[in-house]
Full PDB file with SEQRES, HELIX, SHEET, SSBOND, CRYST1, ORIGX, SCALE, CONECT and MASTER records, all heavy atoms in Angstrom:
SEQRES   1 A   34  HIS PRO LEU PRO LEU ARG ILE MET HIS TRP VAL ASN VAL          
SEQRES   2 A   34  ALA VAL MET LEU VAL MET ILE THR SER GLY TRP GLY ILE          
SEQRES   3 A   34  TYR ASP ASP ASP VAL ILE VAL ARG                              
HELIX    1 AA1 LEU A    3  ASP A   29  1                                  27    
CRYST1    1.000    1.000    1.000  90.00  90.00  90.00 P 1           1          
ORIGX1      1.000000  0.000000  0.000000        0.00000                         
ORIGX2      0.000000  1.000000  0.000000        0.00000                         
ORIGX3      0.000000  0.000000  1.000000        0.00000                         
SCALE1      1.000000  0.000000  0.000000        0.00000                         
SCALE2      0.000000  1.000000  0.000000        0.00000                         
SCALE3      0.000000  0.000000  1.000000        0.00000                         
ATOM      1  N   HIS A   1     -30.412   9.556  19.866  1.00  0.00           N  
ATOM      2  CA  HIS A   1     -29.013   9.785  19.580  1.00  0.00           C  
ATOM      3  C   HIS A   1     -28.933  10.373  18.165  1.00  0.00           C  
ATOM      4  O   HIS A   1     -28.906   9.601  17.181  1.00  0.00           O  
ATOM      5  CB  HIS A   1     -28.201   8.497  19.632  1.00  0.00           C  
ATOM      6  CG  HIS A   1     -28.248   7.783  21.018  1.00  0.00           C  
ATOM      7  ND1 HIS A   1     -27.955   8.427  22.171  1.00  0.00           N  
ATOM      8  CD2 HIS A   1     -28.556   6.525  21.363  1.00  0.00           C  
ATOM      9  CE1 HIS A   1     -28.061   7.602  23.199  1.00  0.00           C  
ATOM     10  NE2 HIS A   1     -28.448   6.459  22.708  1.00  0.00           N  
ATOM     11  N   PRO A   2     -28.884  11.700  18.012  1.00  0.00           N  
ATOM     12  CA  PRO A   2     -28.765  12.317  16.697  1.00  0.00           C  
ATOM     13  C   PRO A   2     -27.518  11.810  15.976  1.00  0.00           C  
ATOM     14  O   PRO A   2     -26.548  11.364  16.590  1.00  0.00           O  
ATOM     15  CB  PRO A   2     -28.711  13.798  17.005  1.00  0.00           C  
ATOM     16  CG  PRO A   2     -29.262  13.939  18.337  1.00  0.00           C  
ATOM     17  CD  PRO A   2     -28.948  12.685  19.074  1.00  0.00           C  
ATOM     18  N   LEU A   3     -27.518  11.992  14.631  1.00  0.00           N  
ATOM     19  CA  LEU A   3     -26.404  11.482  13.804  1.00  0.00           C  
ATOM     20  C   LEU A   3     -25.056  12.041  14.224  1.00  0.00           C  
ATOM     21  O   LEU A   3     -24.085  11.297  14.344  1.00  0.00           O  
ATOM     22  CB  LEU A   3     -26.680  11.792  12.324  1.00  0.00           C  
ATOM     23  CG  LEU A   3     -25.605  11.341  11.336  1.00  0.00           C  
ATOM     24  CD1 LEU A   3     -25.447   9.795  11.433  1.00  0.00           C  
ATOM     25  CD2 LEU A   3     -25.985  11.716   9.917  1.00  0.00           C  
ATOM     26  N   PRO A   4     -24.916  13.345  14.491  1.00  0.00           N  
ATOM     27  CA  PRO A   4     -23.600  13.854  14.909  1.00  0.00           C  
ATOM     28  C   PRO A   4     -23.068  13.148  16.182  1.00  0.00           C  
ATOM     29  O   PRO A   4     -21.888  12.862  16.280  1.00  0.00           O  
ATOM     30  CB  PRO A   4     -23.855  15.343  15.175  1.00  0.00           C  
ATOM     31  CG  PRO A   4     -25.027  15.656  14.345  1.00  0.00           C  
ATOM     32  CD  PRO A   4     -25.906  14.460  14.369  1.00  0.00           C  
ATOM     33  N   LEU A   5     -23.953  12.888  17.119  1.00  0.00           N  
ATOM     34  CA  LEU A   5     -23.555  12.201  18.360  1.00  0.00           C  
ATOM     35  C   LEU A   5     -23.088  10.796  18.078  1.00  0.00           C  
ATOM     36  O   LEU A   5     -22.114  10.349  18.665  1.00  0.00           O  
ATOM     37  CB  LEU A   5     -24.736  12.216  19.339  1.00  0.00           C  
ATOM     38  CG  LEU A   5     -24.391  11.681  20.722  1.00  0.00           C  
ATOM     39  CD1 LEU A   5     -23.578  12.702  21.499  1.00  0.00           C  
ATOM     40  CD2 LEU A   5     -25.649  11.328  21.499  1.00  0.00           C  
ATOM     41  N   ARG A   6     -23.828  10.118  17.203  1.00  0.00           N  
ATOM     42  CA  ARG A   6     -23.454   8.714  16.887  1.00  0.00           C  
ATOM     43  C   ARG A   6     -22.049   8.667  16.212  1.00  0.00           C  
ATOM     44  O   ARG A   6     -21.244   7.794  16.498  1.00  0.00           O  
ATOM     45  CB  ARG A   6     -24.483   8.047  15.985  1.00  0.00           C  
ATOM     46  CG  ARG A   6     -25.734   7.594  16.736  1.00  0.00           C  
ATOM     47  CD  ARG A   6     -26.770   7.033  15.797  1.00  0.00           C  
ATOM     48  NE  ARG A   6     -27.587   8.063  15.195  1.00  0.00           N  
ATOM     49  CZ  ARG A   6     -28.151   7.957  14.013  1.00  0.00           C  
ATOM     50  NH1 ARG A   6     -27.997   6.913  13.234  1.00  0.00           N  
ATOM     51  NH2 ARG A   6     -28.932   8.955  13.578  1.00  0.00           N  
ATOM     52  N   ILE A   7     -21.827   9.606  15.311  1.00  0.00           N  
ATOM     53  CA  ILE A   7     -20.515   9.677  14.628  1.00  0.00           C  
ATOM     54  C   ILE A   7     -19.392   9.892  15.649  1.00  0.00           C  
ATOM     55  O   ILE A   7     -18.413   9.206  15.662  1.00  0.00           O  
ATOM     56  CB  ILE A   7     -20.508  10.764  13.547  1.00  0.00           C  
ATOM     57  CG1 ILE A   7     -21.443  10.394  12.442  1.00  0.00           C  
ATOM     58  CG2 ILE A   7     -19.077  11.004  13.011  1.00  0.00           C  
ATOM     59  CD1 ILE A   7     -21.657  11.498  11.383  1.00  0.00           C  
ATOM     60  N   MET A   8     -19.587  10.874  16.526  1.00  0.00           N  
ATOM     61  CA  MET A   8     -18.585  11.133  17.539  1.00  0.00           C  
ATOM     62  C   MET A   8     -18.382   9.972  18.508  1.00  0.00           C  
ATOM     63  O   MET A   8     -17.291   9.693  18.912  1.00  0.00           O  
ATOM     64  CB  MET A   8     -18.993  12.397  18.320  1.00  0.00           C  
ATOM     65  CG  MET A   8     -18.829  13.671  17.532  1.00  0.00           C  
ATOM     66  SD  MET A   8     -19.217  15.193  18.470  1.00  0.00           S  
ATOM     67  CE  MET A   8     -21.028  15.141  18.575  1.00  0.00           C  
ATOM     68  N   HIS A   9     -19.467   9.281  18.800  1.00  0.00           N  
ATOM     69  CA  HIS A   9     -19.358   8.125  19.708  1.00  0.00           C  
ATOM     70  C   HIS A   9     -18.496   7.014  19.104  1.00  0.00           C  
ATOM     71  O   HIS A   9     -17.577   6.508  19.746  1.00  0.00           O  
ATOM     72  CB  HIS A   9     -20.752   7.545  19.987  1.00  0.00           C  
ATOM     73  CG  HIS A   9     -20.784   6.297  20.782  1.00  0.00           C  
ATOM     74  ND1 HIS A   9     -20.662   5.031  20.240  1.00  0.00           N  
ATOM     75  CD2 HIS A   9     -20.859   6.090  22.160  1.00  0.00           C  
ATOM     76  CE1 HIS A   9     -20.680   4.112  21.174  1.00  0.00           C  
ATOM     77  NE2 HIS A   9     -20.814   4.726  22.354  1.00  0.00           N  
ATOM     78  N   TRP A  10     -18.734   6.655  17.843  1.00  0.00           N  
ATOM     79  CA  TRP A  10     -17.975   5.572  17.237  1.00  0.00           C  
ATOM     80  C   TRP A  10     -16.568   5.962  16.858  1.00  0.00           C  
ATOM     81  O   TRP A  10     -15.658   5.121  16.866  1.00  0.00           O  
ATOM     82  CB  TRP A  10     -18.788   5.012  16.011  1.00  0.00           C  
ATOM     83  CG  TRP A  10     -20.036   4.322  16.448  1.00  0.00           C  
ATOM     84  CD1 TRP A  10     -21.344   4.731  16.215  1.00  0.00           C  
ATOM     85  CD2 TRP A  10     -20.155   3.153  17.226  1.00  0.00           C  
ATOM     86  NE1 TRP A  10     -22.211   3.874  16.804  1.00  0.00           N  
ATOM     87  CE2 TRP A  10     -21.546   2.877  17.412  1.00  0.00           C  
ATOM     88  CE3 TRP A  10     -19.208   2.281  17.793  1.00  0.00           C  
ATOM     89  CZ2 TRP A  10     -21.994   1.776  18.151  1.00  0.00           C  
ATOM     90  CZ3 TRP A  10     -19.676   1.178  18.536  1.00  0.00           C  
ATOM     91  CH2 TRP A  10     -21.059   0.939  18.662  1.00  0.00           C  
ATOM     92  N   VAL A  11     -16.339   7.242  16.513  1.00  0.00           N  
ATOM     93  CA  VAL A  11     -14.965   7.708  16.368  1.00  0.00           C  
ATOM     94  C   VAL A  11     -14.263   7.582  17.693  1.00  0.00           C  
ATOM     95  O   VAL A  11     -13.119   7.110  17.735  1.00  0.00           O  
ATOM     96  CB  VAL A  11     -14.967   9.191  15.894  1.00  0.00           C  
ATOM     97  CG1 VAL A  11     -13.534   9.783  16.002  1.00  0.00           C  
ATOM     98  CG2 VAL A  11     -15.425   9.283  14.438  1.00  0.00           C  
ATOM     99  N   ASN A  12     -14.933   7.942  18.779  1.00  0.00           N  
ATOM    100  CA  ASN A  12     -14.287   7.853  20.087  1.00  0.00           C  
ATOM    101  C   ASN A  12     -13.971   6.407  20.465  1.00  0.00           C  
ATOM    102  O   ASN A  12     -12.942   6.160  21.115  1.00  0.00           O  
ATOM    103  CB  ASN A  12     -15.191   8.476  21.168  1.00  0.00           C  
ATOM    104  CG  ASN A  12     -14.470   8.823  22.422  1.00  0.00           C  
ATOM    105  OD1 ASN A  12     -13.480   9.503  22.376  1.00  0.00           O  
ATOM    106  ND2 ASN A  12     -14.968   8.344  23.542  1.00  0.00           N  
ATOM    107  N   VAL A  13     -14.865   5.486  20.070  1.00  0.00           N  
ATOM    108  CA  VAL A  13     -14.621   4.056  20.384  1.00  0.00           C  
ATOM    109  C   VAL A  13     -13.262   3.653  19.733  1.00  0.00           C  
ATOM    110  O   VAL A  13     -12.414   3.032  20.370  1.00  0.00           O  
ATOM    111  CB  VAL A  13     -15.743   3.192  19.839  1.00  0.00           C  
ATOM    112  CG1 VAL A  13     -15.369   1.717  19.888  1.00  0.00           C  
ATOM    113  CG2 VAL A  13     -17.001   3.413  20.664  1.00  0.00           C  
ATOM    114  N   ALA A  14     -13.067   3.940  18.470  1.00  0.00           N  
ATOM    115  CA  ALA A  14     -11.888   3.555  17.752  1.00  0.00           C  
ATOM    116  C   ALA A  14     -10.643   4.249  18.323  1.00  0.00           C  
ATOM    117  O   ALA A  14      -9.602   3.611  18.558  1.00  0.00           O  
ATOM    118  CB  ALA A  14     -12.022   3.918  16.252  1.00  0.00           C  
ATOM    119  N   VAL A  15     -10.821   5.538  18.584  1.00  0.00           N  
ATOM    120  CA  VAL A  15      -9.652   6.310  19.116  1.00  0.00           C  
ATOM    121  C   VAL A  15      -9.240   5.856  20.503  1.00  0.00           C  
ATOM    122  O   VAL A  15      -8.047   5.693  20.774  1.00  0.00           O  
ATOM    123  CB  VAL A  15      -9.979   7.833  19.123  1.00  0.00           C  
ATOM    124  CG1 VAL A  15      -8.901   8.624  19.818  1.00  0.00           C  
ATOM    125  CG2 VAL A  15     -10.148   8.341  17.717  1.00  0.00           C  
ATOM    126  N   MET A  16     -10.216   5.561  21.378  1.00  0.00           N  
ATOM    127  CA  MET A  16      -9.912   5.066  22.719  1.00  0.00           C  
ATOM    128  C   MET A  16      -9.178   3.728  22.694  1.00  0.00           C  
ATOM    129  O   MET A  16      -8.287   3.523  23.517  1.00  0.00           O  
ATOM    130  CB  MET A  16     -11.181   5.046  23.549  1.00  0.00           C  
ATOM    131  CG  MET A  16     -11.770   6.378  23.937  1.00  0.00           C  
ATOM    132  SD  MET A  16     -10.576   7.486  24.757  1.00  0.00           S  
ATOM    133  CE  MET A  16     -10.125   6.498  26.175  1.00  0.00           C  
ATOM    134  N   LEU A  17      -9.598   2.894  21.787  1.00  0.00           N  
ATOM    135  CA  LEU A  17      -8.895   1.595  21.678  1.00  0.00           C  
ATOM    136  C   LEU A  17      -7.432   1.813  21.288  1.00  0.00           C  
ATOM    137  O   LEU A  17      -6.531   1.183  21.793  1.00  0.00           O  
ATOM    138  CB  LEU A  17      -9.598   0.723  20.647  1.00  0.00           C  
ATOM    139  CG  LEU A  17     -10.909   0.098  21.081  1.00  0.00           C  
ATOM    140  CD1 LEU A  17     -11.574  -0.635  19.897  1.00  0.00           C  
ATOM    141  CD2 LEU A  17     -10.740  -0.830  22.248  1.00  0.00           C  
ATOM    142  N   VAL A  18      -7.180   2.737  20.335  1.00  0.00           N  
ATOM    143  CA  VAL A  18      -5.824   3.037  19.948  1.00  0.00           C  
ATOM    144  C   VAL A  18      -5.047   3.637  21.123  1.00  0.00           C  
ATOM    145  O   VAL A  18      -3.914   3.286  21.389  1.00  0.00           O  
ATOM    146  CB  VAL A  18      -5.838   4.021  18.755  1.00  0.00           C  
ATOM    147  CG1 VAL A  18      -4.427   4.561  18.472  1.00  0.00           C  
ATOM    148  CG2 VAL A  18      -6.342   3.329  17.493  1.00  0.00           C  
ATOM    149  N   MET A  19      -5.653   4.628  21.794  1.00  0.00           N  
ATOM    150  CA  MET A  19      -4.978   5.320  22.876  1.00  0.00           C  
ATOM    151  C   MET A  19      -4.629   4.380  24.062  1.00  0.00           C  
ATOM    152  O   MET A  19      -3.544   4.436  24.619  1.00  0.00           O  
ATOM    153  CB  MET A  19      -5.817   6.500  23.379  1.00  0.00           C  
ATOM    154  CG  MET A  19      -6.016   7.619  22.379  1.00  0.00           C  
ATOM    155  SD  MET A  19      -4.447   8.383  21.891  1.00  0.00           S  
ATOM    156  CE  MET A  19      -4.035   9.238  23.421  1.00  0.00           C  
ATOM    157  N   ILE A  20      -5.591   3.554  24.376  1.00  0.00           N  
ATOM    158  CA  ILE A  20      -5.378   2.659  25.581  1.00  0.00           C  
ATOM    159  C   ILE A  20      -4.345   1.609  25.241  1.00  0.00           C  
ATOM    160  O   ILE A  20      -3.379   1.415  25.994  1.00  0.00           O  
ATOM    161  CB  ILE A  20      -6.734   1.979  25.979  1.00  0.00           C  
ATOM    162  CG1 ILE A  20      -7.640   3.044  26.552  1.00  0.00           C  
ATOM    163  CG2 ILE A  20      -6.460   0.852  26.976  1.00  0.00           C  
ATOM    164  CD1 ILE A  20      -9.078   2.557  26.823  1.00  0.00           C  
ATOM    165  N   THR A  21      -4.476   0.930  24.130  1.00  0.00           N  
ATOM    166  CA  THR A  21      -3.551  -0.155  23.811  1.00  0.00           C  
ATOM    167  C   THR A  21      -2.120   0.360  23.490  1.00  0.00           C  
ATOM    168  O   THR A  21      -1.160  -0.273  23.845  1.00  0.00           O  
ATOM    169  CB  THR A  21      -4.065  -1.033  22.652  1.00  0.00           C  
ATOM    170  OG1 THR A  21      -4.385  -0.208  21.528  1.00  0.00           O  
ATOM    171  CG2 THR A  21      -5.305  -1.767  23.072  1.00  0.00           C  
ATOM    172  N   SER A  22      -2.040   1.504  22.842  1.00  0.00           N  
ATOM    173  CA  SER A  22      -0.698   2.063  22.601  1.00  0.00           C  
ATOM    174  C   SER A  22      -0.130   2.604  23.905  1.00  0.00           C  
ATOM    175  O   SER A  22       1.116   2.494  24.124  1.00  0.00           O  
ATOM    176  CB  SER A  22      -0.764   3.189  21.586  1.00  0.00           C  
ATOM    177  OG  SER A  22      -1.573   4.285  22.045  1.00  0.00           O  
ATOM    178  N   GLY A  23      -0.971   3.115  24.769  1.00  0.00           N  
ATOM    179  CA  GLY A  23      -0.502   3.558  26.080  1.00  0.00           C  
ATOM    180  C   GLY A  23       0.065   2.412  26.913  1.00  0.00           C  
ATOM    181  O   GLY A  23       1.051   2.588  27.627  1.00  0.00           O  
ATOM    182  N   TRP A  24      -0.518   1.245  26.780  1.00  0.00           N  
ATOM    183  CA  TRP A  24       0.052   0.059  27.486  1.00  0.00           C  
ATOM    184  C   TRP A  24       1.423  -0.312  26.927  1.00  0.00           C  
ATOM    185  O   TRP A  24       2.303  -0.743  27.683  1.00  0.00           O  
ATOM    186  CB  TRP A  24      -0.923  -1.096  27.298  1.00  0.00           C  
ATOM    187  CG  TRP A  24      -2.189  -0.954  28.064  1.00  0.00           C  
ATOM    188  CD1 TRP A  24      -2.425  -0.042  29.075  1.00  0.00           C  
ATOM    189  CD2 TRP A  24      -3.419  -1.705  27.935  1.00  0.00           C  
ATOM    190  NE1 TRP A  24      -3.709  -0.203  29.573  1.00  0.00           N  
ATOM    191  CE2 TRP A  24      -4.336  -1.188  28.890  1.00  0.00           C  
ATOM    192  CE3 TRP A  24      -3.749  -2.744  27.098  1.00  0.00           C  
ATOM    193  CZ2 TRP A  24      -5.627  -1.701  28.983  1.00  0.00           C  
ATOM    194  CZ3 TRP A  24      -5.063  -3.261  27.223  1.00  0.00           C  
ATOM    195  CH2 TRP A  24      -5.954  -2.728  28.168  1.00  0.00           C  
ATOM    196  N   GLY A  25       1.646  -0.102  25.654  1.00  0.00           N  
ATOM    197  CA  GLY A  25       2.972  -0.355  25.080  1.00  0.00           C  
ATOM    198  C   GLY A  25       3.991   0.649  25.640  1.00  0.00           C  
ATOM    199  O   GLY A  25       5.110   0.268  25.911  1.00  0.00           O  
ATOM    200  N   ILE A  26       3.596   1.908  25.792  1.00  0.00           N  
ATOM    201  CA  ILE A  26       4.448   2.916  26.327  1.00  0.00           C  
ATOM    202  C   ILE A  26       4.752   2.598  27.813  1.00  0.00           C  
ATOM    203  O   ILE A  26       5.906   2.696  28.286  1.00  0.00           O  
ATOM    204  CB  ILE A  26       3.855   4.321  26.212  1.00  0.00           C  
ATOM    205  CG1 ILE A  26       3.631   4.664  24.745  1.00  0.00           C  
ATOM    206  CG2 ILE A  26       4.745   5.364  26.871  1.00  0.00           C  
ATOM    207  CD1 ILE A  26       2.760   5.876  24.527  1.00  0.00           C  
ATOM    208  N   TYR A  27       3.707   2.211  28.515  1.00  0.00           N  
ATOM    209  CA  TYR A  27       3.883   1.889  29.955  1.00  0.00           C  
ATOM    210  C   TYR A  27       4.904   0.763  30.167  1.00  0.00           C  
ATOM    211  O   TYR A  27       5.704   0.805  31.075  1.00  0.00           O  
ATOM    212  CB  TYR A  27       2.487   1.471  30.499  1.00  0.00           C  
ATOM    213  CG  TYR A  27       2.573   0.799  31.873  1.00  0.00           C  
ATOM    214  CD1 TYR A  27       2.482   1.564  33.018  1.00  0.00           C  
ATOM    215  CD2 TYR A  27       2.710  -0.583  31.998  1.00  0.00           C  
ATOM    216  CE1 TYR A  27       2.559   0.953  34.281  1.00  0.00           C  
ATOM    217  CE2 TYR A  27       2.776  -1.172  33.220  1.00  0.00           C  
ATOM    218  CZ  TYR A  27       2.716  -0.405  34.372  1.00  0.00           C  
ATOM    219  OH  TYR A  27       2.787  -1.017  35.582  1.00  0.00           O  
ATOM    220  N   ASP A  28       4.824  -0.279  29.350  1.00  0.00           N  
ATOM    221  CA  ASP A  28       5.727  -1.417  29.513  1.00  0.00           C  
ATOM    222  C   ASP A  28       7.198  -1.045  29.369  1.00  0.00           C  
ATOM    223  O   ASP A  28       8.092  -1.782  29.858  1.00  0.00           O  
ATOM    224  CB  ASP A  28       5.367  -2.533  28.515  1.00  0.00           C  
ATOM    225  CG  ASP A  28       4.221  -3.399  29.031  1.00  0.00           C  
ATOM    226  OD1 ASP A  28       3.715  -3.141  30.133  1.00  0.00           O  
ATOM    227  OD2 ASP A  28       3.863  -4.349  28.315  1.00  0.00           O  
ATOM    228  N   ASP A  29       7.480   0.083  28.687  1.00  0.00           N  
ATOM    229  CA  ASP A  29       8.880   0.494  28.557  1.00  0.00           C  
ATOM    230  C   ASP A  29       9.431   1.076  29.816  1.00  0.00           C  
ATOM    231  O   ASP A  29      10.649   1.083  30.026  1.00  0.00           O  
ATOM    232  CB  ASP A  29       8.956   1.501  27.385  1.00  0.00           C  
ATOM    233  CG  ASP A  29      10.387   1.817  27.054  1.00  0.00           C  
ATOM    234  OD1 ASP A  29      11.090   0.912  26.621  1.00  0.00           O  
ATOM    235  OD2 ASP A  29      10.780   3.014  27.121  1.00  0.00           O  
ATOM    236  N   ASP A  30       8.516   1.578  30.674  1.00  0.00           N  
ATOM    237  CA  ASP A  30       8.953   2.153  31.956  1.00  0.00           C  
ATOM    238  C   ASP A  30       7.789   2.027  32.934  1.00  0.00           C  
ATOM    239  O   ASP A  30       7.006   2.945  33.098  1.00  0.00           O  
ATOM    240  CB  ASP A  30       9.355   3.622  31.797  1.00  0.00           C  
ATOM    241  CG  ASP A  30       9.894   4.258  33.067  1.00  0.00           C  
ATOM    242  OD1 ASP A  30      10.158   3.500  34.035  1.00  0.00           O  
ATOM    243  OD2 ASP A  30      10.079   5.484  33.122  1.00  0.00           O  
ATOM    244  N   VAL A  31       7.696   0.874  33.578  1.00  0.00           N  
ATOM    245  CA  VAL A  31       6.536   0.510  34.359  1.00  0.00           C  
ATOM    246  C   VAL A  31       6.363   1.428  35.581  1.00  0.00           C  
ATOM    247  O   VAL A  31       7.364   1.938  36.140  1.00  0.00           O  
ATOM    248  CB  VAL A  31       6.521  -0.944  34.759  1.00  0.00           C  
ATOM    249  CG1 VAL A  31       6.569  -1.870  33.589  1.00  0.00           C  
ATOM    250  CG2 VAL A  31       7.702  -1.237  35.732  1.00  0.00           C  
ATOM    251  N   ILE A  32       5.163   1.644  36.014  1.00  0.00           N  
ATOM    252  CA  ILE A  32       4.866   2.390  37.222  1.00  0.00           C  
ATOM    253  C   ILE A  32       4.692   1.450  38.407  1.00  0.00           C  
ATOM    254  O   ILE A  32       5.197   1.691  39.509  1.00  0.00           O  
ATOM    255  CB  ILE A  32       3.605   3.250  36.996  1.00  0.00           C  
ATOM    256  CG1 ILE A  32       3.838   4.328  35.970  1.00  0.00           C  
ATOM    257  CG2 ILE A  32       3.119   3.864  38.343  1.00  0.00           C  
ATOM    258  CD1 ILE A  32       2.638   5.145  35.624  1.00  0.00           C  
ATOM    259  N   VAL A  33       3.938   0.352  38.180  1.00  0.00           N  
ATOM    260  CA  VAL A  33       3.751  -0.641  39.245  1.00  0.00           C  
ATOM    261  C   VAL A  33       4.751  -1.747  39.008  1.00  0.00           C  
ATOM    262  O   VAL A  33       4.697  -2.484  38.005  1.00  0.00           O  
ATOM    263  CB  VAL A  33       2.306  -1.236  39.174  1.00  0.00           C  
ATOM    264  CG1 VAL A  33       2.095  -2.265  40.286  1.00  0.00           C  
ATOM    265  CG2 VAL A  33       1.267  -0.079  39.274  1.00  0.00           C  
ATOM    266  N   ARG A  34       5.708  -1.851  39.929  1.00  0.00           N  
ATOM    267  CA  ARG A  34       6.781  -2.808  39.748  1.00  0.00           C  
ATOM    268  C   ARG A  34       6.294  -4.227  39.577  1.00  0.00           C  
ATOM    269  O   ARG A  34       5.425  -4.705  40.348  1.00  0.00           O  
ATOM    270  CB  ARG A  34       7.705  -2.753  40.959  1.00  0.00           C  
ATOM    271  CG  ARG A  34       9.033  -3.556  40.839  1.00  0.00           C  
ATOM    272  CD  ARG A  34       9.866  -3.434  42.059  1.00  0.00           C  
ATOM    273  NE  ARG A  34      10.267  -2.068  42.267  1.00  0.00           N  
ATOM    274  CZ  ARG A  34      11.333  -1.483  41.658  1.00  0.00           C  
ATOM    275  NH1 ARG A  34      12.057  -2.163  40.834  1.00  0.00           N  
ATOM    276  NH2 ARG A  34      11.610  -0.197  41.918  1.00  0.00           N  
TER     277      ARG A  34                                                      
MASTER        0    0    0    1    0    0    0    6  276    1    0    3          
END                                                                             
């Protein structure tokens, strides 16, 4: 795993956590599954 790949991997880990958990907050405002 070269250094550029490792940096992108861990940036993606942090970003995906933000995207998923914030997406759940948006979802709760107008749910899809009743």
